[in-house]
Amino acid sequence: MIPTLPLLRRLSQGLAAVCGSLLIAGSVLAEGASRTPESPARGVLWEVVQGGQTAYLFGSVHLAKKSFYPFPEAVQQAYQQADTLAVEVDSSDAQANLKAMPLLMYSGGDKLENHLQKSTWEDLRKTVGAASAQFQPLKPAIVATGLMMGVFSQLGYDPRLGVDLHFIERAKKDKKTVVELESMEFQAQVLGGLSDEEGDAMLAQTLSAMKNGEALRDTQFMIDAWKRGDAETLASIMEDIANKDEGSRKTMKALLDDRNLPMVEKILSMMDNGKRLFIVVGAGHLSGKNSLTDLLRQRGVQVRQIK
């Protein structure tokens, strides 16, 4: 199971609609997940203090349910004190989405099949049938994400209810400044720039995890841990996912580790400039080695989780 970037969550909604009815891996797991008692989410909230400035980091899940809301008072207060919301990208920006899309597609008649191992392509065809023809113009990252979104949409998770999008829309309504830590183009370059080997590994792992139930199980465990505010379990899950195989390690490094340091630099710069920040990024960025919280501590910044 690969974490979903906000960019891909928005761009792959149409793909998810195509494949959503084609496969749910592990019907028993799916039924069990749908029976899980639903309640408002606590989420994972961190306080960051440096030089008299305080900022708050809140972990996002990019697909959510109505039942996750409203958040606890501590989260509400952290948001309300801020004059600036910092997010990975403003995924509500339709024009930026359109500009980024070509970076996730092949051009000049090239197609997905040409960049995958024969076994991966055949596995995809067996999984989605004739719909595989619609995937040919797309690079593996968006195909893998669309497949995962199709599964979870059937369990009631909705990209339109994602935590980051919730706060983006709220901040714009409240006239707060919204700042991107990255850009749509950057995220598309990261995913579209994966080598054939890395892209094949990402898609092959997703297909395998969907069939054996790991994708559903891992993501449900991750969401449940996030809802409880259990940062330690989140870190353990992310480490297990990254260490499944060499392809997973390379992909997770590109999706998380390599992006965290530039985010830290921007966060500290804004704090130095007196911004009162509420920062919302994927929960996978906040727990474990080389996470934002880990890198901030390495800089001597005070970081503590607010329970």
C-alpha atoms as a PDB file:
ATOM      1  CA  MET A   1       0.000   0.000   0.000  1.00  0.00           C
ATOM      2  CA  ILE A   2       1.424   3.350  -1.084  1.00  0.00           C
ATOM      3  CA  PRO A   3       0.446   6.666   0.572  1.00  0.00           C
ATOM      4  CA  THR A   4      -1.707   8.897  -1.620  1.00  0.00           C
ATOM      5  CA  LEU A   5      -0.409  12.357  -2.465  1.00  0.00           C
ATOM      6  CA  PRO A   6      -3.075  15.106  -2.491  1.00  0.00           C
ATOM      7  CA  LEU A   7      -2.338  15.691  -6.172  1.00  0.00           C
ATOM      8  CA  LEU A   8      -3.010  12.082  -7.138  1.00  0.00           C
ATOM      9  CA  ARG A   9      -6.082  11.911  -4.947  1.00  0.00           C
ATOM     10  CA  ARG A  10      -7.672  14.671  -7.011  1.00  0.00           C
ATOM     11  CA  LEU A  11      -6.400  13.609 -10.444  1.00  0.00           C
ATOM     12  CA  SER A  12      -7.302   9.946 -10.055  1.00  0.00           C
ATOM     13  CA  GLN A  13     -10.949  10.356  -9.035  1.00  0.00           C
ATOM     14  CA  GLY A  14     -12.100   9.579 -12.553  1.00  0.00           C
ATOM     15  CA  LEU A  15      -9.870   6.515 -12.702  1.00  0.00           C
ATOM     16  CA  ALA A  16     -11.222   5.351  -9.358  1.00  0.00           C
ATOM     17  CA  ALA A  17     -14.755   5.563 -10.760  1.00  0.00           C
ATOM     18  CA  VAL A  18     -13.710   3.285 -13.637  1.00  0.00           C
ATOM     19  CA  CYS A  19     -12.123   0.597 -11.484  1.00  0.00           C
ATOM     20  CA  GLY A  20     -14.054   1.003  -8.237  1.00  0.00           C
ATOM     21  CA  SER A  21     -16.621  -1.660  -9.117  1.00  0.00           C
ATOM     22  CA  LEU A  22     -14.047  -4.140 -10.400  1.00  0.00           C
ATOM     23  CA  LEU A  23     -12.336  -5.391  -7.261  1.00  0.00           C
ATOM     24  CA  ILE A  24     -12.455  -5.456  -3.502  1.00  0.00           C
ATOM     25  CA  ALA A  25      -9.648  -7.597  -2.155  1.00  0.00           C
ATOM     26  CA  GLY A  26     -10.633  -9.775   0.772  1.00  0.00           C
ATOM     27  CA  SER A  27     -14.398  -9.534   1.199  1.00  0.00           C
ATOM     28  CA  VAL A  28     -14.206 -10.600   4.847  1.00  0.00           C
ATOM     29  CA  LEU A  29     -11.798  -7.762   5.589  1.00  0.00           C
ATOM     30  CA  ALA A  30     -14.002  -5.334   3.708  1.00  0.00           C
ATOM     31  CA  GLU A  31     -17.064  -6.378   5.695  1.00  0.00           C
ATOM     32  CA  GLY A  32     -15.105  -6.116   8.936  1.00  0.00           C
ATOM     33  CA  ALA A  33     -13.891  -2.629   8.061  1.00  0.00           C
ATOM     34  CA  SER A  34     -17.404  -1.452   7.256  1.00  0.00           C
ATOM     35  CA  ARG A  35     -18.620  -2.746  10.641  1.00  0.00           C
ATOM     36  CA  THR A  36     -15.973  -0.798  12.568  1.00  0.00           C
ATOM     37  CA  PRO A  37     -17.766   1.642  14.915  1.00  0.00           C
ATOM     38  CA  GLU A  38     -17.515   5.143  13.479  1.00  0.00           C
ATOM     39  CA  SER A  39     -16.774   8.154  15.652  1.00  0.00           C
ATOM     40  CA  PRO A  40     -15.142  11.581  15.310  1.00  0.00           C
ATOM     41  CA  ALA A  41     -11.393  11.337  14.798  1.00  0.00           C
ATOM     42  CA  ARG A  42      -8.828  12.577  17.298  1.00  0.00           C
ATOM     43  CA  GLY A  43      -6.105  12.790  14.665  1.00  0.00           C
ATOM     44  CA  VAL A  44      -2.407  13.354  15.278  1.00  0.00           C
ATOM     45  CA  LEU A  45      -1.558  16.893  16.444  1.00  0.00           C
ATOM     46  CA  TRP A  46       1.925  18.188  17.269  1.00  0.00           C
ATOM     47  CA  GLU A  47       3.065  21.463  18.829  1.00  0.00           C
ATOM     48  CA  VAL A  48       6.251  22.982  17.391  1.00  0.00           C
ATOM     49  CA  VAL A  49       8.087  25.691  19.372  1.00  0.00           C
ATOM     50  CA  GLN A  50      11.148  27.664  18.287  1.00  0.00           C
ATOM     51  CA  GLY A  51      12.375  31.142  19.217  1.00  0.00           C
ATOM     52  CA  GLY A  52       9.172  32.138  20.939  1.00  0.00           C
ATOM     53  CA  GLN A  53       7.058  31.078  17.937  1.00  0.00           C
ATOM     54  CA  THR A  54       4.557  28.219  18.130  1.00  0.00           C
ATOM     55  CA  ALA A  55       3.168  26.278  15.192  1.00  0.00           C
ATOM     56  CA  TYR A  56       0.937  23.231  14.998  1.00  0.00           C
ATOM     57  CA  LEU A  57       1.325  20.178  12.772  1.00  0.00           C
ATOM     58  CA  PHE A  58      -1.765  18.095  12.043  1.00  0.00           C
ATOM     59  CA  GLY A  59      -1.641  14.794  10.173  1.00  0.00           C
ATOM     60  CA  SER A  60      -4.048  14.442   7.270  1.00  0.00           C
ATOM     61  CA  VAL A  61      -5.699  11.450   5.666  1.00  0.00           C
ATOM     62  CA  HIS A  62      -6.520  12.312   2.086  1.00  0.00           C
ATOM     63  CA  LEU A  63      -9.691  10.206   1.972  1.00  0.00           C
ATOM     64  CA  ALA A  64     -12.108  10.442   4.887  1.00  0.00           C
ATOM     65  CA  LYS A  65     -15.695  10.041   6.079  1.00  0.00           C
ATOM     66  CA  LYS A  66     -18.239  12.519   7.434  1.00  0.00           C
ATOM     67  CA  SER A  67     -18.065  10.698  10.766  1.00  0.00           C
ATOM     68  CA  PHE A  68     -14.443  11.866  11.236  1.00  0.00           C
ATOM     69  CA  TYR A  69     -15.702  15.384  11.928  1.00  0.00           C
ATOM     70  CA  PRO A  70     -15.756  17.526  14.002  1.00  0.00           C
ATOM     71  CA  PHE A  71     -12.213  17.351  15.351  1.00  0.00           C
ATOM     72  CA  PRO A  72     -11.405  17.724  19.086  1.00  0.00           C
ATOM     73  CA  GLU A  73     -11.180  21.139  20.729  1.00  0.00           C
ATOM     74  CA  ALA A  74      -7.364  21.073  20.744  1.00  0.00           C
ATOM     75  CA  VAL A  75      -7.343  20.803  16.942  1.00  0.00           C
ATOM     76  CA  GLN A  76      -9.969  23.522  16.598  1.00  0.00           C
ATOM     77  CA  GLN A  77      -7.971  25.896  18.802  1.00  0.00           C
ATOM     78  CA  ALA A  78      -4.753  25.161  16.900  1.00  0.00           C
ATOM     79  CA  TYR A  79      -6.513  26.062  13.642  1.00  0.00           C
ATOM     80  CA  GLN A  80      -8.233  29.145  15.033  1.00  0.00           C
ATOM     81  CA  GLN A  81      -5.033  30.723  16.410  1.00  0.00           C
ATOM     82  CA  ALA A  82      -3.352  30.544  13.006  1.00  0.00           C
ATOM     83  CA  ASP A  83      -3.186  33.313  10.444  1.00  0.00           C
ATOM     84  CA  THR A  84      -1.677  30.919   7.867  1.00  0.00           C
ATOM     85  CA  LEU A  85      -2.631  27.408   6.782  1.00  0.00           C
ATOM     86  CA  ALA A  86       0.296  25.482   5.262  1.00  0.00           C
ATOM     87  CA  VAL A  87      -0.503  22.400   3.175  1.00  0.00           C
ATOM     88  CA  GLU A  88       1.425  20.131   0.829  1.00  0.00           C
ATOM     89  CA  VAL A  89      -0.508  21.509  -2.148  1.00  0.00           C
ATOM     90  CA  ASP A  90      -3.761  23.365  -2.666  1.00  0.00           C
ATOM     91  CA  SER A  91      -5.629  20.427  -4.158  1.00  0.00           C
ATOM     92  CA  SER A  92      -8.706  22.614  -4.735  1.00  0.00           C
ATOM     93  CA  ASP A  93      -6.833  24.459  -7.504  1.00  0.00           C
ATOM     94  CA  ALA A  94      -8.416  23.014 -10.648  1.00  0.00           C
ATOM     95  CA  GLN A  95      -6.083  24.857 -13.035  1.00  0.00           C
ATOM     96  CA  ALA A  96      -2.983  23.543 -11.285  1.00  0.00           C
ATOM     97  CA  ASN A  97      -4.430  20.031 -11.464  1.00  0.00           C
ATOM     98  CA  LEU A  98      -4.919  20.350 -15.207  1.00  0.00           C
ATOM     99  CA  LYS A  99      -1.384  21.683 -15.742  1.00  0.00           C
ATOM    100  CA  ALA A 100       0.112  18.832 -13.726  1.00  0.00           C
ATOM    101  CA  MET A 101      -1.769  16.031 -15.454  1.00  0.00           C
ATOM    102  CA  PRO A 102       0.474  15.788 -18.572  1.00  0.00           C
ATOM    103  CA  LEU A 103       3.438  14.970 -16.321  1.00  0.00           C
ATOM    104  CA  LEU A 104       1.612  11.797 -15.270  1.00  0.00           C
ATOM    105  CA  MET A 105       0.818  10.711 -18.822  1.00  0.00           C
ATOM    106  CA  TYR A 106       2.807   9.285 -21.700  1.00  0.00           C
ATOM    107  CA  SER A 107       3.083  11.233 -24.934  1.00  0.00           C
ATOM    108  CA  GLY A 108       3.825  10.569 -28.582  1.00  0.00           C
ATOM    109  CA  GLY A 109       1.829   7.349 -28.692  1.00  0.00           C
ATOM    110  CA  ASP A 110       3.777   5.772 -25.843  1.00  0.00           C
ATOM    111  CA  LYS A 111       1.776   3.668 -23.390  1.00  0.00           C
ATOM    112  CA  LEU A 112       1.829   2.074 -19.954  1.00  0.00           C
ATOM    113  CA  GLU A 113       2.331  -1.456 -21.260  1.00  0.00           C
ATOM    114  CA  ASN A 114       5.716  -0.471 -22.697  1.00  0.00           C
ATOM    115  CA  HIS A 115       7.057   0.478 -19.267  1.00  0.00           C
ATOM    116  CA  LEU A 116       5.931  -2.517 -17.211  1.00  0.00           C
ATOM    117  CA  GLN A 117       7.210  -6.030 -16.766  1.00  0.00           C
ATOM    118  CA  LYS A 118       5.083  -8.443 -18.779  1.00  0.00           C
ATOM    119  CA  SER A 119       3.930 -10.094 -15.559  1.00  0.00           C
ATOM    120  CA  THR A 120       2.766  -6.759 -14.094  1.00  0.00           C
ATOM    121  CA  TRP A 121       0.838  -5.826 -17.210  1.00  0.00           C
ATOM    122  CA  GLU A 122      -0.847  -9.247 -17.324  1.00  0.00           C
ATOM    123  CA  ASP A 123      -1.690  -8.948 -13.631  1.00  0.00           C
ATOM    124  CA  LEU A 124      -3.310  -5.569 -14.277  1.00  0.00           C
ATOM    125  CA  ARG A 125      -5.307  -6.949 -17.199  1.00  0.00           C
ATOM    126  CA  LYS A 126      -6.551  -9.864 -15.105  1.00  0.00           C
ATOM    127  CA  THR A 127      -7.524  -7.464 -12.332  1.00  0.00           C
ATOM    128  CA  VAL A 128      -9.420  -4.836 -14.343  1.00  0.00           C
ATOM    129  CA  GLY A 129     -10.229  -6.626 -17.599  1.00  0.00           C
ATOM    130  CA  ALA A 130     -11.083  -4.469 -20.607  1.00  0.00           C
ATOM    131  CA  ALA A 131     -10.656  -1.300 -18.513  1.00  0.00           C
ATOM    132  CA  SER A 132      -6.885  -1.787 -18.837  1.00  0.00           C
ATOM    133  CA  ALA A 133      -7.107  -0.121 -22.258  1.00  0.00           C
ATOM    134  CA  GLN A 134      -8.214   3.100 -20.579  1.00  0.00           C
ATOM    135  CA  PHE A 135      -5.091   3.017 -18.398  1.00  0.00           C
ATOM    136  CA  GLN A 136      -2.613   2.853 -21.285  1.00  0.00           C
ATOM    137  CA  PRO A 137      -1.926   6.634 -21.492  1.00  0.00           C
ATOM    138  CA  LEU A 138      -1.244   6.854 -17.729  1.00  0.00           C
ATOM    139  CA  LYS A 139       1.939   6.333 -15.755  1.00  0.00           C
ATOM    140  CA  PRO A 140       2.006   3.631 -13.066  1.00  0.00           C
ATOM    141  CA  ALA A 141       1.711   5.969 -10.070  1.00  0.00           C
ATOM    142  CA  ILE A 142      -1.714   7.302 -11.021  1.00  0.00           C
ATOM    143  CA  VAL A 143      -2.948   3.842 -12.009  1.00  0.00           C
ATOM    144  CA  ALA A 144      -1.890   2.399  -8.649  1.00  0.00           C
ATOM    145  CA  THR A 145      -3.540   5.272  -6.794  1.00  0.00           C
ATOM    146  CA  GLY A 146      -6.762   5.012  -8.779  1.00  0.00           C
ATOM    147  CA  LEU A 147      -6.987   1.295  -8.050  1.00  0.00           C
ATOM    148  CA  MET A 148      -6.609   1.910  -4.326  1.00  0.00           C
ATOM    149  CA  MET A 149      -9.130   4.738  -4.352  1.00  0.00           C
ATOM    150  CA  GLY A 150     -11.619   2.513  -6.143  1.00  0.00           C
ATOM    151  CA  VAL A 151     -11.412  -0.033  -3.351  1.00  0.00           C
ATOM    152  CA  PHE A 152     -11.761   2.465  -0.539  1.00  0.00           C
ATOM    153  CA  SER A 153     -14.547   4.444  -2.166  1.00  0.00           C
ATOM    154  CA  GLN A 154     -16.675   1.321  -1.763  1.00  0.00           C
ATOM    155  CA  LEU A 155     -15.969   1.419   1.975  1.00  0.00           C
ATOM    156  CA  GLY A 156     -17.273   4.961   2.260  1.00  0.00           C
ATOM    157  CA  TYR A 157     -13.987   6.891   2.083  1.00  0.00           C
ATOM    158  CA  ASP A 158     -14.360  10.023  -0.033  1.00  0.00           C
ATOM    159  CA  PRO A 159     -11.558  12.223  -1.441  1.00  0.00           C
ATOM    160  CA  ARG A 160     -13.910  15.196  -1.228  1.00  0.00           C
ATOM    161  CA  LEU A 161     -13.894  14.750   2.559  1.00  0.00           C
ATOM    162  CA  GLY A 162     -10.090  14.587   2.887  1.00  0.00           C
ATOM    163  CA  VAL A 163      -8.704  16.387   5.938  1.00  0.00           C
ATOM    164  CA  ASP A 164      -6.397  18.708   4.007  1.00  0.00           C
ATOM    165  CA  LEU A 165      -9.186  19.705   1.622  1.00  0.00           C
ATOM    166  CA  HIS A 166     -11.478  20.313   4.608  1.00  0.00           C
ATOM    167  CA  PHE A 167      -9.036  22.821   6.087  1.00  0.00           C
ATOM    168  CA  ILE A 168      -8.199  24.420   2.722  1.00  0.00           C
ATOM    169  CA  GLU A 169     -11.858  25.195   2.091  1.00  0.00           C
ATOM    170  CA  ARG A 170     -12.336  26.344   5.680  1.00  0.00           C
ATOM    171  CA  ALA A 171      -9.270  28.602   5.604  1.00  0.00           C
ATOM    172  CA  LYS A 172     -10.366  30.273   2.377  1.00  0.00           C
ATOM    173  CA  LYS A 173     -13.787  30.914   3.854  1.00  0.00           C
ATOM    174  CA  ASP A 174     -12.152  32.328   7.007  1.00  0.00           C
ATOM    175  CA  LYS A 175      -9.845  34.581   4.939  1.00  0.00           C
ATOM    176  CA  LYS A 176      -6.681  32.916   6.229  1.00  0.00           C
ATOM    177  CA  THR A 177      -3.583  32.765   4.037  1.00  0.00           C
ATOM    178  CA  VAL A 178      -3.091  29.361   2.382  1.00  0.00           C
ATOM    179  CA  VAL A 179       0.530  28.480   1.613  1.00  0.00           C
ATOM    180  CA  GLU A 180       1.741  25.453  -0.343  1.00  0.00           C
ATOM    181  CA  LEU A 181       4.811  23.622   0.973  1.00  0.00           C
ATOM    182  CA  GLU A 182       5.177  22.044  -2.466  1.00  0.00           C
ATOM    183  CA  SER A 183       3.327  22.466  -5.766  1.00  0.00           C
ATOM    184  CA  MET A 184       1.157  20.355  -8.028  1.00  0.00           C
ATOM    185  CA  GLU A 185       3.892  20.413 -10.645  1.00  0.00           C
ATOM    186  CA  PHE A 186       6.521  19.251  -8.156  1.00  0.00           C
ATOM    187  CA  GLN A 187       4.392  16.333  -6.949  1.00  0.00           C
ATOM    188  CA  ALA A 188       3.621  15.335 -10.532  1.00  0.00           C
ATOM    189  CA  GLN A 189       7.330  15.455 -11.370  1.00  0.00           C
ATOM    190  CA  VAL A 190       8.108  13.205  -8.407  1.00  0.00           C
ATOM    191  CA  LEU A 191       5.557  10.562  -9.408  1.00  0.00           C
ATOM    192  CA  GLY A 192       5.852  10.973 -13.143  1.00  0.00           C
ATOM    193  CA  GLY A 193       9.627  10.883 -12.825  1.00  0.00           C
ATOM    194  CA  LEU A 194       9.803   7.425 -11.257  1.00  0.00           C
ATOM    195  CA  SER A 195      11.997   5.075 -13.275  1.00  0.00           C
ATOM    196  CA  ASP A 196      10.357   2.173 -15.100  1.00  0.00           C
ATOM    197  CA  GLU A 197      11.679  -0.134 -12.379  1.00  0.00           C
ATOM    198  CA  GLU A 198      10.227   2.015  -9.581  1.00  0.00           C
ATOM    199  CA  GLY A 199       6.890   2.537 -11.340  1.00  0.00           C
ATOM    200  CA  ASP A 200       6.563  -1.166 -12.072  1.00  0.00           C
ATOM    201  CA  ALA A 201       7.372  -2.003  -8.439  1.00  0.00           C
ATOM    202  CA  MET A 202       4.745   0.464  -7.194  1.00  0.00           C
ATOM    203  CA  LEU A 203       1.996  -0.902  -9.415  1.00  0.00           C
ATOM    204  CA  ALA A 204       2.976  -4.561  -8.913  1.00  0.00           C
ATOM    205  CA  GLN A 205       2.962  -4.119  -5.134  1.00  0.00           C
ATOM    206  CA  THR A 206      -0.438  -2.399  -5.251  1.00  0.00           C
ATOM    207  CA  LEU A 207      -1.966  -5.188  -7.337  1.00  0.00           C
ATOM    208  CA  SER A 208      -0.515  -7.859  -5.053  1.00  0.00           C
ATOM    209  CA  ALA A 209      -1.635  -6.032  -1.902  1.00  0.00           C
ATOM    210  CA  MET A 210      -5.147  -5.634  -3.278  1.00  0.00           C
ATOM    211  CA  LYS A 211      -5.442  -9.339  -4.057  1.00  0.00           C
ATOM    212  CA  ASN A 212      -4.077 -10.636  -0.755  1.00  0.00           C
ATOM    213  CA  GLY A 213      -5.902  -8.076   1.386  1.00  0.00           C
ATOM    214  CA  GLU A 214      -2.797  -6.253   2.642  1.00  0.00           C
ATOM    215  CA  ALA A 215      -3.791  -2.964   1.009  1.00  0.00           C
ATOM    216  CA  LEU A 216      -7.125  -2.851   2.750  1.00  0.00           C
ATOM    217  CA  ARG A 217      -5.744  -4.139   6.061  1.00  0.00           C
ATOM    218  CA  ASP A 218      -2.721  -1.813   6.177  1.00  0.00           C
ATOM    219  CA  THR A 219      -4.700   1.280   5.269  1.00  0.00           C
ATOM    220  CA  GLN A 220      -7.504   0.440   7.705  1.00  0.00           C
ATOM    221  CA  PHE A 221      -4.925  -0.086  10.476  1.00  0.00           C
ATOM    222  CA  MET A 222      -3.319   3.238   9.553  1.00  0.00           C
ATOM    223  CA  ILE A 223      -6.604   5.141   9.580  1.00  0.00           C
ATOM    224  CA  ASP A 224      -7.656   3.534  12.859  1.00  0.00           C
ATOM    225  CA  ALA A 225      -4.313   4.514  14.441  1.00  0.00           C
ATOM    226  CA  TRP A 226      -4.687   8.062  13.111  1.00  0.00           C
ATOM    227  CA  LYS A 227      -8.216   8.305  14.494  1.00  0.00           C
ATOM    228  CA  ARG A 228      -6.910   7.266  17.922  1.00  0.00           C
ATOM    229  CA  GLY A 229      -4.009   9.720  17.726  1.00  0.00           C
ATOM    230  CA  ASP A 230      -1.568   6.791  17.980  1.00  0.00           C
ATOM    231  CA  ALA A 231       1.620   8.186  16.433  1.00  0.00           C
ATOM    232  CA  GLU A 232       3.760   5.209  17.494  1.00  0.00           C
ATOM    233  CA  THR A 233       1.568   2.704  15.678  1.00  0.00           C
ATOM    234  CA  LEU A 234       1.483   4.951  12.615  1.00  0.00           C
ATOM    235  CA  ALA A 235       5.281   5.028  12.557  1.00  0.00           C
ATOM    236  CA  SER A 236       5.426   1.235  12.888  1.00  0.00           C
ATOM    237  CA  ILE A 237       2.956   0.718  10.032  1.00  0.00           C
ATOM    238  CA  MET A 238       4.858   3.088   7.747  1.00  0.00           C
ATOM    239  CA  GLU A 239       8.136   1.312   8.549  1.00  0.00           C
ATOM    240  CA  ASP A 240       6.609  -2.088   7.785  1.00  0.00           C
ATOM    241  CA  ILE A 241       5.249  -0.836   4.446  1.00  0.00           C
ATOM    242  CA  ALA A 242       8.594   0.676   3.478  1.00  0.00           C
ATOM    243  CA  ASN A 243      10.495  -2.499   4.328  1.00  0.00           C
ATOM    244  CA  LYS A 244       8.370  -4.974   2.379  1.00  0.00           C
ATOM    245  CA  ASP A 245      10.950  -5.094  -0.408  1.00  0.00           C
ATOM    246  CA  GLU A 246      13.524  -2.997  -2.256  1.00  0.00           C
ATOM    247  CA  GLY A 247      10.919  -1.487  -4.566  1.00  0.00           C
ATOM    248  CA  SER A 248       8.861  -0.362  -1.577  1.00  0.00           C
ATOM    249  CA  ARG A 249      11.907   1.213   0.065  1.00  0.00           C
ATOM    250  CA  LYS A 250      12.757   3.221  -3.049  1.00  0.00           C
ATOM    251  CA  THR A 251       9.180   4.343  -3.619  1.00  0.00           C
ATOM    252  CA  MET A 252       8.583   5.340   0.009  1.00  0.00           C
ATOM    253  CA  LYS A 253      11.856   7.272   0.002  1.00  0.00           C
ATOM    254  CA  ALA A 254      10.690   9.237  -3.038  1.00  0.00           C
ATOM    255  CA  LEU A 255       7.183   9.776  -1.651  1.00  0.00           C
ATOM    256  CA  LEU A 256       8.135  10.710   1.904  1.00  0.00           C
ATOM    257  CA  ASP A 257      11.775  11.010   3.009  1.00  0.00           C
ATOM    258  CA  ASP A 258      13.065  13.038   0.055  1.00  0.00           C
ATOM    259  CA  ARG A 259      10.207  15.536   0.420  1.00  0.00           C
ATOM    260  CA  ASN A 260      10.377  16.066   4.180  1.00  0.00           C
ATOM    261  CA  LEU A 261      13.568  18.123   4.432  1.00  0.00           C
ATOM    262  CA  PRO A 262      12.427  20.877   2.002  1.00  0.00           C
ATOM    263  CA  MET A 263       9.119  21.054   3.901  1.00  0.00           C
ATOM    264  CA  VAL A 264      10.983  21.532   7.184  1.00  0.00           C
ATOM    265  CA  GLU A 265      13.022  24.370   5.667  1.00  0.00           C
ATOM    266  CA  LYS A 266       9.859  26.194   4.555  1.00  0.00           C
ATOM    267  CA  ILE A 267       8.127  25.665   7.892  1.00  0.00           C
ATOM    268  CA  LEU A 268      11.077  27.062   9.869  1.00  0.00           C
ATOM    269  CA  SER A 269      11.421  29.995   7.480  1.00  0.00           C
ATOM    270  CA  MET A 270       7.772  30.948   7.947  1.00  0.00           C
ATOM    271  CA  MET A 271       8.082  30.629  11.720  1.00  0.00           C
ATOM    272  CA  ASP A 272      11.165  32.880  11.627  1.00  0.00           C
ATOM    273  CA  ASN A 273       9.038  35.429   9.747  1.00  0.00           C
ATOM    274  CA  GLY A 274       6.432  35.448  12.512  1.00  0.00           C
ATOM    275  CA  LYS A 275       3.724  33.432  10.785  1.00  0.00           C
ATOM    276  CA  ARG A 276       1.227  31.732  13.105  1.00  0.00           C
ATOM    277  CA  LEU A 277       1.015  28.384  11.369  1.00  0.00           C
ATOM    278  CA  PHE A 278      -1.438  25.524  11.278  1.00  0.00           C
ATOM    279  CA  ILE A 279       0.247  22.906   9.068  1.00  0.00           C
ATOM    280  CA  VAL A 280      -1.693  20.030   7.532  1.00  0.00           C
ATOM    281  CA  VAL A 281       0.289  17.292   5.776  1.00  0.00           C
ATOM    282  CA  GLY A 282      -0.192  13.584   5.206  1.00  0.00           C
ATOM    283  CA  ALA A 283       0.004  11.677   8.483  1.00  0.00           C
ATOM    284  CA  GLY A 284       2.821   9.563   7.051  1.00  0.00           C
ATOM    285  CA  HIS A 285       5.057  12.641   7.099  1.00  0.00           C
ATOM    286  CA  LEU A 286       4.780  13.073  10.874  1.00  0.00           C
ATOM    287  CA  SER A 287       5.867   9.801  12.462  1.00  0.00           C
ATOM    288  CA  GLY A 288       9.080   7.812  12.531  1.00  0.00           C
ATOM    289  CA  LYS A 289      12.631   8.257  11.284  1.00  0.00           C
ATOM    290  CA  ASN A 290      13.231  11.166   8.876  1.00  0.00           C
ATOM    291  CA  SER A 291       9.682  12.438   9.422  1.00  0.00           C
ATOM    292  CA  LEU A 292       8.977  16.144   9.811  1.00  0.00           C
ATOM    293  CA  THR A 293       8.872  15.786  13.596  1.00  0.00           C
ATOM    294  CA  ASP A 294      12.154  13.852  13.615  1.00  0.00           C
ATOM    295  CA  LEU A 295      13.915  16.392  11.360  1.00  0.00           C
ATOM    296  CA  LEU A 296      12.619  19.312  13.435  1.00  0.00           C
ATOM    297  CA  ARG A 297      13.988  17.720  16.601  1.00  0.00           C
ATOM    298  CA  GLN A 298      17.335  17.267  14.863  1.00  0.00           C
ATOM    299  CA  ARG A 299      17.334  21.047  14.365  1.00  0.00           C
ATOM    300  CA  GLY A 300      16.863  21.587  18.103  1.00  0.00           C
ATOM    301  CA  VAL A 301      13.194  22.542  17.752  1.00  0.00           C
ATOM    302  CA  GLN A 302      10.834  21.591  20.592  1.00  0.00           C
ATOM    303  CA  VAL A 303       8.224  19.158  19.303  1.00  0.00           C
ATOM    304  CA  ARG A 304       5.575  17.396  21.357  1.00  0.00           C
ATOM    305  CA  GLN A 305       2.406  15.540  20.532  1.00  0.00           C
ATOM    306  CA  ILE A 306      -0.773  16.997  21.980  1.00  0.00           C
ATOM    307  CA  LYS A 307      -2.878  14.107  23.268  1.00  0.00           C
END
